[in-house]
Protein backbone atom coordinates (compact mmCIF):
# COMPACT_ATOMS: atom_id res chain seq x y z
CA MET A 1 52.84 -34.93 35.98
CA ALA A 2 51.56 -31.86 34.97
CA ASP A 3 48.56 -30.38 37.19
CA ASN A 4 46.03 -31.05 34.63
CA GLN A 5 42.82 -30.03 36.63
CA ASP A 6 42.37 -26.44 33.80
CA PHE A 7 43.50 -28.95 31.01
CA THR A 8 39.96 -28.96 29.50
CA ALA A 9 39.39 -25.54 29.77
CA ARG A 10 43.06 -23.97 28.67
CA MET A 11 42.00 -26.36 25.44
CA LEU A 12 38.41 -25.16 25.13
CA ALA A 13 38.96 -21.07 25.63
CA ALA A 14 41.92 -21.28 22.81
CA PHE A 15 39.52 -21.97 20.15
CA PRO A 16 37.64 -19.23 18.37
CA ALA A 17 34.08 -18.43 18.78
CA SER A 18 33.67 -18.85 15.26
CA ASN A 19 35.02 -22.24 15.04
CA PRO A 20 34.57 -23.78 18.53
CA ALA A 21 35.95 -27.16 19.44
CA PRO A 22 33.35 -29.63 18.14
CA GLU A 23 31.40 -32.02 21.45
CA PRO A 24 33.73 -35.06 20.17
CA LEU A 25 36.93 -33.06 20.83
CA ALA A 26 35.85 -31.23 24.08
CA ARG A 27 34.72 -34.99 25.26
CA PHE A 28 38.54 -36.27 24.27
CA PHE A 29 40.27 -33.11 26.29
CA ALA A 30 38.13 -33.81 29.53
CA TRP A 31 39.11 -37.69 29.14
CA GLN A 32 42.44 -36.84 28.64
CA GLN A 33 42.37 -34.77 31.86
CA ALA A 34 40.42 -37.49 33.76
CA GLN A 35 43.03 -39.77 32.97
CA GLY A 36 46.13 -37.89 33.95
CA LEU A 37 47.33 -37.76 30.38
CA THR A 38 48.80 -34.32 30.38
CA ARG A 39 52.87 -33.66 30.72
CA PRO A 40 54.66 -29.98 31.04
CA SER A 41 55.60 -28.93 27.69
CA GLN A 42 59.36 -29.14 26.70
CA ARG A 43 58.78 -25.55 25.14
CA GLY A 44 57.99 -24.10 28.60
CA ASN A 45 54.77 -22.90 27.77
CA GLY A 46 51.89 -25.21 29.27
CA GLU A 47 51.18 -28.79 28.72
CA TYR A 48 50.79 -31.60 25.83
CA GLY A 49 48.18 -34.12 26.15
CA LEU A 50 48.80 -38.06 25.18
CA ILE A 51 47.19 -40.70 23.70
CA VAL A 52 47.80 -43.48 26.43
CA GLU A 53 50.04 -44.01 29.36
CA GLY A 54 53.83 -44.43 28.71
CA GLN A 55 53.39 -42.81 25.30
CA GLU A 56 56.17 -40.08 24.85
CA ARG A 57 56.97 -40.29 20.89
CA THR A 58 53.51 -40.49 19.40
CA SER A 59 50.91 -37.33 18.04
CA LEU A 60 50.57 -34.84 20.62
CA ILE A 61 48.02 -32.27 21.81
CA THR A 62 49.28 -28.83 22.99
CA VAL A 63 47.16 -26.60 25.27
CA GLU A 64 46.93 -24.11 23.16
CA PRO A 65 46.88 -23.95 19.61
CA GLU A 66 49.52 -22.88 17.28
CA ARG A 67 48.24 -18.88 16.45
CA ASP A 68 50.87 -18.60 13.75
CA PHE A 69 51.26 -21.81 12.81
CA MET A 70 48.95 -20.48 9.41
CA LYS A 71 50.92 -17.47 9.04
CA TYR A 72 53.83 -19.66 8.56
CA TRP A 73 52.47 -22.04 6.86
CA THR A 74 51.01 -19.99 4.20
CA GLY A 75 53.05 -16.92 4.07
CA ASN A 76 49.84 -14.88 4.34
CA ASP A 77 49.88 -13.06 8.03
CA ASP A 78 46.05 -12.26 7.33
CA PRO A 79 44.68 -13.42 11.46
CA ALA A 80 41.66 -14.29 10.32
CA LEU A 81 43.56 -17.66 8.74
CA ALA A 82 44.27 -18.27 13.03
CA ASP A 83 40.55 -18.61 13.35
CA ARG A 84 40.05 -20.38 10.23
CA VAL A 85 42.08 -22.72 10.56
CA VAL A 86 42.42 -23.47 14.86
CA VAL A 87 45.95 -25.94 14.70
CA PHE A 88 46.01 -28.06 17.38
CA PHE A 89 47.31 -31.40 16.84
CA ARG A 90 51.13 -32.67 15.74
CA ILE A 91 50.50 -35.83 13.92
CA GLY A 92 54.20 -36.29 12.91
CA GLY A 93 57.85 -36.08 14.01
CA ASP A 94 58.53 -33.62 11.13
CA GLY A 95 56.89 -30.93 12.26
CA SER A 96 53.03 -31.77 10.50
CA HIS A 97 50.03 -30.75 12.25
CA ALA A 98 46.13 -31.53 12.12
CA GLY A 99 43.36 -28.13 12.26
CA LEU A 100 40.06 -27.76 12.52
CA TRP A 101 39.07 -26.06 9.35
CA MET A 102 35.60 -23.59 9.06
CA ASP A 103 34.94 -23.99 4.97
CA ASP A 104 32.69 -21.34 3.42
CA ALA A 105 29.81 -22.95 4.18
CA GLY A 106 30.29 -23.56 7.96
CA GLN A 107 31.35 -26.95 8.29
CA GLN A 108 34.10 -28.23 10.19
CA HIS A 109 36.62 -30.49 9.04
CA ILE A 110 39.88 -32.01 10.49
CA VAL A 111 42.64 -31.54 8.24
CA ALA A 112 46.36 -32.78 7.63
CA LEU A 113 49.17 -29.91 7.44
CA GLY A 114 52.51 -31.74 6.57
CA SER A 115 55.45 -29.97 7.14
CA GLY A 116 57.02 -29.65 3.68
CA SER A 117 60.21 -30.73 4.35
CA GLY A 118 58.91 -34.28 5.26
CA SER A 119 54.86 -34.55 4.52
CA THR A 120 52.96 -33.35 2.08
CA LEU A 121 49.66 -33.76 3.04
CA SER A 122 47.83 -30.95 2.50
CA GLY A 123 44.04 -31.64 2.17
CA ILE A 124 41.21 -33.11 4.67
CA MET A 125 41.63 -35.93 6.94
CA ALA A 126 38.20 -36.50 8.35
CA SER A 127 34.74 -34.29 8.44
CA ASP A 128 33.92 -36.09 11.47
CA PRO A 129 35.87 -35.55 14.62
CA VAL A 130 35.28 -38.87 16.02
CA ASP A 131 36.80 -40.43 12.86
CA PHE A 132 39.54 -38.61 13.42
CA LEU A 133 39.38 -39.88 17.44
CA ARG A 134 39.28 -43.58 15.47
CA LEU A 135 42.45 -42.62 13.48
CA LEU A 136 43.97 -41.81 16.94
CA ALA A 137 42.79 -44.80 18.65
CA ILE A 138 44.28 -47.31 15.86
CA GLY A 139 47.92 -46.46 17.50
CA TYR A 140 49.83 -45.18 14.85
CA GLU A 141 53.32 -43.71 15.95
CA GLU A 142 52.78 -40.79 13.27
CA LEU A 143 49.38 -39.96 10.91
CA CYS A 144 51.00 -37.95 8.42
CA TRP A 145 52.70 -40.75 6.08
CA PRO A 146 49.85 -42.11 3.93
CA GLU A 147 51.38 -44.46 2.29
CA ALA A 148 51.24 -46.32 5.26
CA TYR A 149 47.28 -46.11 6.12
CA ASP A 150 46.76 -49.62 4.70
CA GLN A 151 49.32 -51.21 7.05
CA SER A 152 48.27 -51.54 11.02
CA PRO A 153 50.71 -50.49 13.75
CA ALA A 154 51.85 -53.93 13.98
CA GLU A 155 52.84 -54.41 10.50
CA ILE A 156 54.90 -51.25 10.09
CA PHE A 157 56.95 -52.12 13.26
CA ALA A 158 57.41 -55.85 12.17
CA ASP A 159 58.79 -53.58 8.79
CA GLU A 160 60.69 -51.63 10.33
CA TYR A 161 62.46 -53.26 13.20
CA LEU A 162 61.67 -56.70 13.76
CA ALA A 163 64.48 -57.35 11.27
CA ASP A 164 66.89 -55.76 13.36
CA ALA A 165 65.83 -57.15 16.70
CA ASP A 166 68.80 -59.62 16.77
CA ASP A 167 71.60 -56.35 15.42
CA PRO A 168 73.47 -55.37 18.55
CA GLY A 169 72.33 -52.14 17.79
CA PHE A 170 68.80 -52.67 18.28
CA GLU A 171 67.37 -50.80 21.66
CA GLN A 172 65.08 -51.63 23.67
CA GLU A 173 63.33 -48.53 23.27
CA ASP A 174 62.58 -49.08 19.20
CA PHE A 175 59.67 -50.96 20.68
CA PRO A 176 56.09 -49.45 20.09
CA ASP A 177 54.38 -47.70 22.25
CA PRO A 178 51.07 -49.54 24.10
CA GLU A 179 48.34 -49.91 22.39
CA PRO A 180 45.40 -47.35 23.33
CA GLU A 181 42.85 -49.51 24.58
CA GLN A 182 41.45 -47.13 27.03
CA LEU A 183 40.68 -44.66 24.17
CA ARG A 184 38.79 -47.03 22.24
CA ALA A 185 37.14 -48.46 25.01
CA PHE A 186 35.85 -44.02 25.65
CA LEU A 187 35.13 -44.09 22.20
CA ALA A 188 32.54 -47.16 22.45
CA ASP A 189 31.11 -45.92 25.40
CA ARG A 190 30.83 -42.21 24.50
CA PHE A 191 29.70 -42.50 20.66
CA GLY A 192 29.30 -46.18 20.03
CA VAL A 193 32.05 -46.63 17.48
CA THR A 194 34.52 -49.40 16.94
CA VAL A 195 38.43 -48.87 15.66
CA PRO A 196 39.66 -50.79 12.67
CA GLU A 197 43.23 -52.38 12.09
CA THR A 198 44.11 -49.56 9.55
CA ALA A 199 43.50 -45.48 8.81
CA ALA A 200 42.92 -46.77 4.99
CA GLU A 201 39.48 -48.25 6.69
CA ILE A 202 38.66 -44.46 7.59
CA ILE A 203 40.43 -42.72 5.44
CA THR A 204 38.74 -44.28 2.10
CA THR A 205 39.76 -40.95 -0.10
CA PRO A 206 43.35 -39.85 -0.40
CA ILE A 207 44.11 -36.88 1.15
CA ALA A 208 45.37 -33.74 -0.86
CA GLU A 209 49.11 -32.85 -1.13
CA MET A 210 50.53 -29.47 -1.43
CA ASP A 211 52.78 -30.24 -4.65
CA VAL A 212 49.84 -31.37 -6.93
CA ASP A 213 48.99 -28.64 -9.81
CA ASP A 214 45.21 -28.76 -8.91
CA SER A 215 42.73 -30.84 -6.81
CA ASP A 216 39.30 -31.23 -6.04
CA ASP A 217 39.85 -31.24 -1.97
CA PRO A 218 37.86 -28.17 -0.87
CA PHE A 219 40.80 -27.81 1.87
CA TRP A 220 43.11 -27.81 -0.59
CA ARG A 221 41.60 -25.61 -3.33
CA TRP A 222 40.77 -23.21 0.05
CA VAL A 223 44.62 -23.30 0.72
CA ASP A 224 45.46 -22.34 -3.11
CA SER A 225 43.44 -19.39 -2.58
CA VAL A 226 44.90 -17.81 0.56
CA ARG A 227 48.64 -18.94 0.03
CA LYS A 228 51.12 -16.14 -0.89
């Protein structure tokens, strides 16, 4: 286990003054640190944070936001983009991420940035960071596939694995990660919220996707204006 003493401080310092981490995210980082949920990065550049003990495959928080992500994602090398969108969370094994976007009016939103090679999400996931934390606490393995939002993690697991459970090639590690019960308790205690069974109960408007011709999503429109 990594020495996680300064995990929260490093996370908060990585957000620029013009787009600081909202208080719910700061409390979440501190909760991860207190729970000992940090691990050494396989890339050798710090640590990442888990959602639940024993979970090694789901969305991972990196110690420092991906400063160069927006440059490669948009093809625009303006360094100001890294302040407008602080990419801090991996939401899929395909390379999809989530970031904290500051819109032109100074409002912060959690946005989805699909990999393009897999997920094509490019829109607002949640304008309330607590709702983003509630999404994490549902227990999905990935959050980059909107077609799965109306299913619970248990239903997705049953569809993907249980039909093959008697197959000789079925491995024990194919079983899902533990449910994030401690995160749910933290959210209930700190913010007085409950966690639904599906993402569709939080994300009630479809997230925009990068391969459409037009969208009313404010983040999609902003990206369209800066993409090269």
